[in-house]
C-alpha atoms as a PDB file:
ATOM      1  CA  MET A   1     -25.144  10.703  10.640  1.00  0.00           C
ATOM      2  CA  THR A   2     -26.165   8.789   7.532  1.00  0.00           C
ATOM      3  CA  GLU A   3     -29.450   7.226   6.463  1.00  0.00           C
ATOM      4  CA  LYS A   4     -28.253   3.847   7.746  1.00  0.00           C
ATOM      5  CA  TYR A   5     -27.959   5.220  11.302  1.00  0.00           C
ATOM      6  CA  PHE A   6     -31.529   6.564  11.276  1.00  0.00           C
ATOM      7  CA  ARG A   7     -32.945   3.308   9.856  1.00  0.00           C
ATOM      8  CA  PHE A   8     -31.269   1.278  12.621  1.00  0.00           C
ATOM      9  CA  ARG A   9     -32.554   3.722  15.214  1.00  0.00           C
ATOM     10  CA  ASP A  10     -36.118   3.377  13.881  1.00  0.00           C
ATOM     11  CA  VAL A  11     -36.010  -0.426  14.096  1.00  0.00           C
ATOM     12  CA  ILE A  12     -34.450  -0.547  17.577  1.00  0.00           C
ATOM     13  CA  SER A  13     -36.918   2.026  18.892  1.00  0.00           C
ATOM     14  CA  LYS A  14     -39.768  -0.449  18.246  1.00  0.00           C
ATOM     15  CA  TYR A  15     -38.419  -2.664  21.023  1.00  0.00           C
ATOM     16  CA  THR A  16     -36.880  -0.288  23.544  1.00  0.00           C
ATOM     17  CA  GLU A  17     -36.916   3.370  24.409  1.00  0.00           C
ATOM     18  CA  ILE A  18     -34.062   5.330  22.882  1.00  0.00           C
ATOM     19  CA  PRO A  19     -33.103   8.491  24.779  1.00  0.00           C
ATOM     20  CA  GLU A  20     -32.445  11.719  22.964  1.00  0.00           C
ATOM     21  CA  VAL A  21     -28.730  12.469  22.815  1.00  0.00           C
ATOM     22  CA  GLU A  22     -27.257  15.889  22.226  1.00  0.00           C
ATOM     23  CA  PHE A  23     -23.833  15.877  20.638  1.00  0.00           C
ATOM     24  CA  THR A  24     -21.396  18.447  21.995  1.00  0.00           C
ATOM     25  CA  THR A  25     -19.148  18.467  18.937  1.00  0.00           C
ATOM     26  CA  LYS A  26     -20.405  20.007  15.744  1.00  0.00           C
ATOM     27  CA  ILE A  27     -18.938  17.995  12.890  1.00  0.00           C
ATOM     28  CA  LYS A  28     -18.157  20.056   9.817  1.00  0.00           C
ATOM     29  CA  ARG A  29     -17.329  18.814   6.342  1.00  0.00           C
ATOM     30  CA  LYS A  30     -15.333  20.719   3.784  1.00  0.00           C
ATOM     31  CA  ALA A  31     -14.124  20.349   0.196  1.00  0.00           C
ATOM     32  CA  TYR A  32     -10.586  21.730  -0.023  1.00  0.00           C
ATOM     33  CA  GLY A  33     -10.363  21.265  -3.785  1.00  0.00           C
ATOM     34  CA  ASN A  34      -7.500  20.086  -5.989  1.00  0.00           C
ATOM     35  CA  VAL A  35      -3.842  19.837  -4.994  1.00  0.00           C
ATOM     36  CA  GLN A  36      -0.940  19.141  -7.350  1.00  0.00           C
ATOM     37  CA  ALA A  37       2.158  17.123  -6.423  1.00  0.00           C
ATOM     38  CA  ASP A  38       5.183  19.309  -5.759  1.00  0.00           C
ATOM     39  CA  LYS A  39       7.717  16.464  -5.386  1.00  0.00           C
ATOM     40  CA  LYS A  40       8.061  12.809  -6.327  1.00  0.00           C
ATOM     41  CA  VAL A  41      10.690  10.077  -6.062  1.00  0.00           C
ATOM     42  CA  SER A  42      11.066   6.409  -7.002  1.00  0.00           C
ATOM     43  CA  LEU A  43      10.920   3.748  -4.280  1.00  0.00           C
ATOM     44  CA  PHE A  44      14.066   2.190  -5.718  1.00  0.00           C
ATOM     45  CA  SER A  45      15.908   5.511  -5.299  1.00  0.00           C
ATOM     46  CA  VAL A  46      15.146   5.754  -1.567  1.00  0.00           C
ATOM     47  CA  LEU A  47      15.038   2.065  -0.660  1.00  0.00           C
ATOM     48  CA  ASP A  48      18.264   2.160   1.355  1.00  0.00           C
ATOM     49  CA  ASP A  49      17.115   5.325   3.152  1.00  0.00           C
ATOM     50  CA  LEU A  50      13.913   3.657   4.338  1.00  0.00           C
ATOM     51  CA  SER A  51      15.216   0.200   5.185  1.00  0.00           C
ATOM     52  CA  THR A  52      18.316  -1.726   6.231  1.00  0.00           C
ATOM     53  CA  PRO A  53      18.341  -5.024   4.310  1.00  0.00           C
ATOM     54  CA  VAL A  54      18.469  -8.420   5.969  1.00  0.00           C
ATOM     55  CA  HIS A  55      20.837 -10.723   4.066  1.00  0.00           C
ATOM     56  CA  SER A  56      19.628 -14.323   3.879  1.00  0.00           C
ATOM     57  CA  GLN A  57      20.147 -17.382   1.714  1.00  0.00           C
ATOM     58  CA  TRP A  58      16.384 -17.968   1.793  1.00  0.00           C
ATOM     59  CA  THR A  59      13.363 -15.703   1.848  1.00  0.00           C
ATOM     60  CA  GLN A  60      12.035 -14.876   5.313  1.00  0.00           C
ATOM     61  CA  SER A  61       8.551 -13.773   6.283  1.00  0.00           C
ATOM     62  CA  MET A  62       7.698 -10.311   7.586  1.00  0.00           C
ATOM     63  CA  GLU A  63       7.375 -11.745  11.072  1.00  0.00           C
ATOM     64  CA  GLU A  64      10.800 -13.384  10.932  1.00  0.00           C
ATOM     65  CA  VAL A  65      12.444 -10.010  10.271  1.00  0.00           C
ATOM     66  CA  GLY A  66      10.419  -8.258  12.988  1.00  0.00           C
ATOM     67  CA  GLN A  67       7.720  -6.625  10.855  1.00  0.00           C
ATOM     68  CA  ASP A  68       3.956  -6.688  11.411  1.00  0.00           C
ATOM     69  CA  TYR A  69       2.362  -4.813   8.518  1.00  0.00           C
ATOM     70  CA  GLY A  70       2.990  -2.824   5.341  1.00  0.00           C
ATOM     71  CA  PHE A  71       5.289  -3.877   2.508  1.00  0.00           C
ATOM     72  CA  ILE A  72       8.465  -5.933   2.204  1.00  0.00           C
ATOM     73  CA  LEU A  73      10.816  -6.119  -0.781  1.00  0.00           C
ATOM     74  CA  TYR A  74      12.879  -9.187  -1.745  1.00  0.00           C
ATOM     75  CA  ARG A  75      15.898  -8.660  -4.013  1.00  0.00           C
ATOM     76  CA  THR A  76      18.156 -11.178  -5.696  1.00  0.00           C
ATOM     77  CA  LYS A  77      20.464 -11.486  -8.707  1.00  0.00           C
ATOM     78  CA  LEU A  78      19.506 -14.019 -11.338  1.00  0.00           C
ATOM     79  CA  GLY A  79      22.115 -16.172 -13.061  1.00  0.00           C
ATOM     80  CA  THR A  80      22.793 -16.940 -16.710  1.00  0.00           C
ATOM     81  CA  GLN A  81      19.172 -17.340 -17.789  1.00  0.00           C
ATOM     82  CA  LYS A  82      16.427 -14.984 -18.854  1.00  0.00           C
ATOM     83  CA  ASP A  83      13.654 -17.438 -19.810  1.00  0.00           C
ATOM     84  CA  PHE A  84      12.045 -19.614 -17.160  1.00  0.00           C
ATOM     85  CA  SER A  85       9.461 -22.278 -17.931  1.00  0.00           C
ATOM     86  CA  GLU A  86       8.611 -22.530 -14.225  1.00  0.00           C
ATOM     87  CA  PHE A  87       8.223 -19.601 -11.846  1.00  0.00           C
ATOM     88  CA  LYS A  88       6.172 -19.433  -8.666  1.00  0.00           C
ATOM     89  CA  ILE A  89       6.210 -17.839  -5.216  1.00  0.00           C
ATOM     90  CA  MET A  90       5.796 -20.420  -2.465  1.00  0.00           C
ATOM     91  CA  GLY A  91       3.986 -19.389   0.702  1.00  0.00           C
ATOM     92  CA  GLY A  92       3.357 -15.808  -0.372  1.00  0.00           C
ATOM     93  CA  GLY A  93       1.015 -13.325   1.284  1.00  0.00           C
ATOM     94  CA  ASP A  94      -0.663 -11.425  -0.175  1.00  0.00           C
ATOM     95  CA  ARG A  95       0.109  -9.345  -3.266  1.00  0.00           C
ATOM     96  CA  ALA A  96       3.328  -9.607  -5.302  1.00  0.00           C
ATOM     97  CA  ASN A  97       4.557  -6.822  -7.573  1.00  0.00           C
ATOM     98  CA  ILE A  98       7.422  -8.307  -9.617  1.00  0.00           C
ATOM     99  CA  PHE A  99      10.278  -6.344 -11.221  1.00  0.00           C
ATOM    100  CA  ALA A 100      13.348  -7.097 -13.316  1.00  0.00           C
ATOM    101  CA  ASP A 101      15.982  -4.332 -13.429  1.00  0.00           C
ATOM    102  CA  GLU A 102      13.373  -2.106 -11.742  1.00  0.00           C
ATOM    103  CA  LYS A 103      10.862  -2.575 -14.578  1.00  0.00           C
ATOM    104  CA  GLN A 104       7.518  -4.140 -13.736  1.00  0.00           C
ATOM    105  CA  VAL A 105       7.066  -7.678 -15.045  1.00  0.00           C
ATOM    106  CA  GLU A 106       3.701  -8.640 -13.557  1.00  0.00           C
ATOM    107  CA  ILE A 107       1.459  -8.561 -10.486  1.00  0.00           C
ATOM    108  CA  ARG A 108       0.186 -11.681  -8.757  1.00  0.00           C
ATOM    109  CA  TYR A 109      -2.392 -12.082  -5.997  1.00  0.00           C
ATOM    110  CA  ASP A 110      -2.935 -14.523  -3.160  1.00  0.00           C
ATOM    111  CA  LYS A 111      -3.890 -17.900  -4.655  1.00  0.00           C
ATOM    112  CA  GLU A 112      -2.171 -17.087  -7.972  1.00  0.00           C
ATOM    113  CA  LEU A 113       1.230 -16.934  -6.293  1.00  0.00           C
ATOM    114  CA  GLU A 114       1.888 -20.679  -6.136  1.00  0.00           C
ATOM    115  CA  LYS A 115       0.506 -21.384  -9.590  1.00  0.00           C
ATOM    116  CA  ASN A 116       3.277 -22.245 -11.998  1.00  0.00           C
ATOM    117  CA  GLY A 117       3.857 -19.740 -14.805  1.00  0.00           C
ATOM    118  CA  GLU A 118       6.436 -18.832 -17.394  1.00  0.00           C
ATOM    119  CA  LEU A 119       8.727 -15.847 -16.936  1.00  0.00           C
ATOM    120  CA  HIS A 120      10.581 -14.138 -19.802  1.00  0.00           C
ATOM    121  CA  LEU A 121      13.039 -11.321 -19.023  1.00  0.00           C
ATOM    122  CA  GLU A 122      14.970  -8.929 -21.255  1.00  0.00           C
ATOM    123  CA  ARG A 123      18.445 -10.115 -20.253  1.00  0.00           C
ATOM    124  CA  GLU A 124      20.425 -12.664 -18.273  1.00  0.00           C
ATOM    125  CA  GLY A 125      21.707 -11.767 -14.817  1.00  0.00           C
ATOM    126  CA  ALA A 126      18.878  -9.332 -14.079  1.00  0.00           C
ATOM    127  CA  GLN A 127      18.279  -7.724 -10.705  1.00  0.00           C
ATOM    128  CA  PHE A 128      15.031  -9.321  -9.569  1.00  0.00           C
ATOM    129  CA  ASP A 129      12.721  -7.639  -7.038  1.00  0.00           C
ATOM    130  CA  ILE A 130       9.455  -8.785  -5.494  1.00  0.00           C
ATOM    131  CA  LEU A 131       7.471  -6.154  -3.578  1.00  0.00           C
ATOM    132  CA  MET A 132       5.065  -8.004  -1.289  1.00  0.00           C
ATOM    133  CA  GLU A 133       2.127  -6.322   0.434  1.00  0.00           C
ATOM    134  CA  ASN A 134       0.293  -7.462   3.549  1.00  0.00           C
ATOM    135  CA  LEU A 135      -3.406  -7.029   2.719  1.00  0.00           C
ATOM    136  CA  GLY A 136      -4.622  -8.148   6.155  1.00  0.00           C
ATOM    137  CA  ARG A 137      -4.963 -11.292   8.241  1.00  0.00           C
ATOM    138  CA  VAL A 138      -7.979 -13.527   8.890  1.00  0.00           C
ATOM    139  CA  ASN A 139      -8.978 -13.970  12.535  1.00  0.00           C
ATOM    140  CA  TYR A 140     -11.096 -17.106  12.199  1.00  0.00           C
ATOM    141  CA  GLY A 141     -11.126 -20.594  10.683  1.00  0.00           C
ATOM    142  CA  PRO A 142      -8.514 -23.288  10.024  1.00  0.00           C
ATOM    143  CA  GLN A 143      -5.973 -20.915   8.435  1.00  0.00           C
ATOM    144  CA  ILE A 144      -5.620 -18.680  11.467  1.00  0.00           C
ATOM    145  CA  GLU A 145      -2.193 -20.172  12.291  1.00  0.00           C
ATOM    146  CA  ASP A 146      -0.941 -19.630   8.727  1.00  0.00           C
ATOM    147  CA  GLN A 147      -1.151 -15.853   8.674  1.00  0.00           C
ATOM    148  CA  LYS A 148       2.494 -15.005   8.098  1.00  0.00           C
ATOM    149  CA  LYS A 149       3.084 -12.396   5.417  1.00  0.00           C
ATOM    150  CA  GLY A 150       5.790 -11.801   2.826  1.00  0.00           C
ATOM    151  CA  ILE A 151       7.341 -14.969   1.358  1.00  0.00           C
ATOM    152  CA  THR A 152       7.582 -17.878   3.790  1.00  0.00           C
ATOM    153  CA  LYS A 153       8.813 -20.811   1.670  1.00  0.00           C
ATOM    154  CA  GLY A 154      10.791 -19.462  -1.263  1.00  0.00           C
ATOM    155  CA  VAL A 155      10.795 -18.484  -4.933  1.00  0.00           C
ATOM    156  CA  TRP A 156      10.939 -21.278  -7.493  1.00  0.00           C
ATOM    157  CA  PHE A 157      12.769 -20.897 -10.841  1.00  0.00           C
ATOM    158  CA  ASN A 158      13.027 -23.880 -13.220  1.00  0.00           C
ATOM    159  CA  TRP A 159      12.697 -26.667 -10.627  1.00  0.00           C
ATOM    160  CA  ALA A 160      14.922 -25.049  -7.993  1.00  0.00           C
ATOM    161  CA  PHE A 161      14.613 -22.500  -5.185  1.00  0.00           C
ATOM    162  CA  GLN A 162      16.541 -19.261  -5.686  1.00  0.00           C
ATOM    163  CA  ASN A 163      18.971 -18.425  -2.871  1.00  0.00           C
ATOM    164  CA  GLY A 164      20.857 -15.272  -1.952  1.00  0.00           C
ATOM    165  CA  TRP A 165      18.350 -12.547  -1.005  1.00  0.00           C
ATOM    166  CA  ASP A 166      18.402  -9.012   0.363  1.00  0.00           C
ATOM    167  CA  ILE A 167      15.174  -8.448   2.293  1.00  0.00           C
ATOM    168  CA  TYR A 168      13.975  -4.867   2.869  1.00  0.00           C
ATOM    169  CA  PRO A 169      11.239  -4.399   5.517  1.00  0.00           C
ATOM    170  CA  LEU A 170       8.994  -1.459   4.575  1.00  0.00           C
ATOM    171  CA  PRO A 171       6.397  -0.766   7.297  1.00  0.00           C
ATOM    172  CA  LEU A 172       6.487   2.916   6.203  1.00  0.00           C
ATOM    173  CA  ASN A 173       6.607   4.149   9.798  1.00  0.00           C
ATOM    174  CA  ASN A 174       9.639   6.328   8.968  1.00  0.00           C
ATOM    175  CA  ILE A 175       8.218   8.269   6.043  1.00  0.00           C
ATOM    176  CA  GLU A 176      10.238  11.351   7.031  1.00  0.00           C
ATOM    177  CA  LYS A 177      13.311   9.594   5.594  1.00  0.00           C
ATOM    178  CA  VAL A 178      12.018   9.773   2.015  1.00  0.00           C
ATOM    179  CA  ASP A 179      14.462  12.010   0.116  1.00  0.00           C
ATOM    180  CA  PHE A 180      12.508  13.707  -2.672  1.00  0.00           C
ATOM    181  CA  SER A 181      15.668  15.155  -4.210  1.00  0.00           C
ATOM    182  CA  LYS A 182      16.558  11.732  -5.621  1.00  0.00           C
ATOM    183  CA  GLU A 183      15.593  10.260  -8.998  1.00  0.00           C
ATOM    184  CA  TYR A 184      12.021   9.674 -10.074  1.00  0.00           C
ATOM    185  CA  LYS A 185      11.103   7.115 -12.718  1.00  0.00           C
ATOM    186  CA  GLU A 186       7.982   5.171 -13.606  1.00  0.00           C
ATOM    187  CA  GLY A 187       7.166   2.432 -11.109  1.00  0.00           C
ATOM    188  CA  PRO A 188       6.567   2.325  -7.349  1.00  0.00           C
ATOM    189  CA  ALA A 189       6.983   5.891  -6.111  1.00  0.00           C
ATOM    190  CA  PHE A 190       6.233   8.469  -3.445  1.00  0.00           C
ATOM    191  CA  TYR A 191       4.279  11.626  -4.334  1.00  0.00           C
ATOM    192  CA  HIS A 192       4.378  14.680  -2.066  1.00  0.00           C
ATOM    193  CA  PHE A 193       1.484  17.123  -1.690  1.00  0.00           C
ATOM    194  CA  GLU A 194       0.944  20.124   0.545  1.00  0.00           C
ATOM    195  CA  LEU A 195      -2.560  21.105   1.650  1.00  0.00           C
ATOM    196  CA  THR A 196      -3.100  24.460   3.345  1.00  0.00           C
ATOM    197  CA  VAL A 197      -6.096  24.457   5.680  1.00  0.00           C
ATOM    198  CA  ASP A 198      -7.700  27.533   7.220  1.00  0.00           C
ATOM    199  CA  GLU A 199     -10.107  25.480   9.342  1.00  0.00           C
ATOM    200  CA  PRO A 200      -9.730  21.712   9.922  1.00  0.00           C
ATOM    201  CA  ALA A 201     -12.886  19.816   8.957  1.00  0.00           C
ATOM    202  CA  ASP A 202     -13.862  16.320   7.886  1.00  0.00           C
ATOM    203  CA  THR A 203     -13.083  15.739   4.227  1.00  0.00           C
ATOM    204  CA  PHE A 204     -12.806  12.908   1.683  1.00  0.00           C
ATOM    205  CA  LEU A 205      -9.701  12.288  -0.413  1.00  0.00           C
ATOM    206  CA  GLU A 206     -10.003  11.165  -4.026  1.00  0.00           C
ATOM    207  CA  LEU A 207      -6.972  10.060  -6.072  1.00  0.00           C
ATOM    208  CA  PRO A 208      -7.999  10.192  -9.763  1.00  0.00           C
ATOM    209  CA  GLY A 209      -5.580   8.332 -12.010  1.00  0.00           C
ATOM    210  CA  PHE A 210      -3.716   6.617  -9.169  1.00  0.00           C
ATOM    211  CA  GLY A 211      -3.624   2.812  -9.121  1.00  0.00           C
ATOM    212  CA  HIS A 212      -2.903   1.156  -5.799  1.00  0.00           C
ATOM    213  CA  GLY A 213      -1.092   2.059  -2.596  1.00  0.00           C
ATOM    214  CA  CYS A 214      -1.517   3.960   0.642  1.00  0.00           C
ATOM    215  CA  VAL A 215      -1.735   7.550   1.878  1.00  0.00           C
ATOM    216  CA  LEU A 216       0.048   9.173   4.817  1.00  0.00           C
ATOM    217  CA  ILE A 217      -1.079  12.494   6.283  1.00  0.00           C
ATOM    218  CA  ASN A 218       1.273  14.375   8.609  1.00  0.00           C
ATOM    219  CA  GLY A 219       3.132  11.105   9.151  1.00  0.00           C
ATOM    220  CA  LYS A 220      -0.007   9.085   9.993  1.00  0.00           C
ATOM    221  CA  ASN A 221      -1.092   6.209   7.759  1.00  0.00           C
ATOM    222  CA  LEU A 222      -4.586   7.090   6.541  1.00  0.00           C
ATOM    223  CA  GLY A 223      -5.197   3.820   4.714  1.00  0.00           C
ATOM    224  CA  ARG A 224      -5.075   1.950   1.430  1.00  0.00           C
ATOM    225  CA  PHE A 225      -6.541   3.049  -1.902  1.00  0.00           C
ATOM    226  CA  TRP A 226      -7.235   0.913  -4.952  1.00  0.00           C
ATOM    227  CA  GLU A 227      -8.570   1.948  -8.336  1.00  0.00           C
ATOM    228  CA  ILE A 228     -10.827  -1.137  -8.489  1.00  0.00           C
ATOM    229  CA  GLY A 229     -12.887   0.177  -5.553  1.00  0.00           C
ATOM    230  CA  PRO A 230     -15.407  -0.210  -4.077  1.00  0.00           C
ATOM    231  CA  GLN A 231     -14.286   2.758  -1.975  1.00  0.00           C
ATOM    232  CA  LYS A 232     -13.301   5.664  -4.190  1.00  0.00           C
ATOM    233  CA  ARG A 233     -12.562   8.284  -1.529  1.00  0.00           C
ATOM    234  CA  LEU A 234     -10.705   7.994   1.778  1.00  0.00           C
ATOM    235  CA  TYR A 235     -12.308   9.585   4.831  1.00  0.00           C
ATOM    236  CA  ILE A 236     -10.102  12.113   6.631  1.00  0.00           C
ATOM    237  CA  PRO A 237     -11.394  13.115  10.081  1.00  0.00           C
ATOM    238  CA  ALA A 238     -10.721  16.727  11.027  1.00  0.00           C
ATOM    239  CA  PRO A 239      -8.325  15.917  13.923  1.00  0.00           C
ATOM    240  CA  LEU A 240      -5.821  14.449  11.421  1.00  0.00           C
ATOM    241  CA  LEU A 241      -5.487  17.879   9.846  1.00  0.00           C
ATOM    242  CA  ARG A 242      -3.946  20.962  11.380  1.00  0.00           C
ATOM    243  CA  GLU A 243      -4.501  24.612  10.675  1.00  0.00           C
ATOM    244  CA  GLY A 244      -1.953  25.787   8.131  1.00  0.00           C
ATOM    245  CA  LYS A 245       0.211  23.428   6.092  1.00  0.00           C
ATOM    246  CA  ASN A 246      -0.410  19.672   5.980  1.00  0.00           C
ATOM    247  CA  GLU A 247       1.882  17.107   4.350  1.00  0.00           C
ATOM    248  CA  ILE A 248       0.290  14.347   2.280  1.00  0.00           C
ATOM    249  CA  ILE A 249       2.462  11.557   0.897  1.00  0.00           C
ATOM    250  CA  VAL A 250       0.996   9.027  -1.524  1.00  0.00           C
ATOM    251  CA  PHE A 251       2.873   5.746  -1.980  1.00  0.00           C
ATOM    252  CA  GLU A 252       1.753   4.225  -5.289  1.00  0.00           C
ATOM    253  CA  THR A 253       2.947   0.707  -6.139  1.00  0.00           C
ATOM    254  CA  ASP A 254       1.839   0.046  -9.728  1.00  0.00           C
ATOM    255  CA  GLY A 255       3.279   2.935 -11.726  1.00  0.00           C
ATOM    256  CA  LYS A 256      -0.105   4.649 -12.157  1.00  0.00           C
ATOM    257  CA  ALA A 257      -0.224   8.291 -11.071  1.00  0.00           C
ATOM    258  CA  GLY A 258      -2.704  11.060 -11.835  1.00  0.00           C
ATOM    259  CA  ASP A 259      -2.112  14.783 -12.186  1.00  0.00           C
ATOM    260  CA  GLY A 260      -3.212  15.549  -8.640  1.00  0.00           C
ATOM    261  CA  ILE A 261      -5.478  14.665  -5.730  1.00  0.00           C
ATOM    262  CA  ARG A 262      -8.828  16.128  -4.701  1.00  0.00           C
ATOM    263  CA  PHE A 263     -10.546  16.812  -1.369  1.00  0.00           C
ATOM    264  CA  GLU A 264     -14.348  16.529  -1.490  1.00  0.00           C
ATOM    265  CA  GLU A 265     -17.203  17.051   0.981  1.00  0.00           C
ATOM    266  CA  GLU A 266     -18.925  13.689   0.449  1.00  0.00           C
ATOM    267  CA  PRO A 267     -17.855  10.011   0.234  1.00  0.00           C
ATOM    268  CA  LEU A 268     -18.081   8.149  -3.065  1.00  0.00           C
ATOM    269  CA  LEU A 269     -18.632   4.453  -3.785  1.00  0.00           C
ATOM    270  CA  SER A 270     -18.198   2.836  -7.183  1.00  0.00           C
END
């Protein structure tokens, strides 16, 4: 229980009687300390292990390829240009991480996606990837029917839509297929950790030095982390852990990785 719970209880008790409740489960918290990564691999190295691409002349939304949540990657081959005076993502939701030849070019968010901008690449005929992330859907208001994710309308280069795409759905519900023996390089990547627990207890995961992504514990998606906050530690309830060895996989999208992760006894807000 936190201070907020007791304050609410005090206010409500002014208007109605609140019975005493005895909790049968004793909730323990524990700091398990620091854990270093023992394996890591690039997303681009294991892309075909995690996903079977959908080939399409035009971009399709997550929903059109049978996906509800997570990430989706769009791949195409650019022609005989490397400088574009107009570049925008039409009907994108919600966060676009853009790569040329597997090197990050820029990141765009939400309302920035359809704003026209210049794009300058290192060479002609580059492999062009857009990693889109579903950051959640609204459940109210006039836009409730427009909550498709991924790229719904297309990608615009110099007054024309690009065609010829390979679309990789990445809900990350098959994380056991990540092959950590493959190549690691800077960029979107998976980091493998092993936490040995003598007694499962509630704990809070901190990821110092990591940028943005999500965490999976024993195959279960714990949630999203983001260096900008406001939440700086992810809550791990004891039942997600098991006595003995636990597998933690961090998927980081922005090429920012720290030396390790840390398990603390208390939450932390920025």
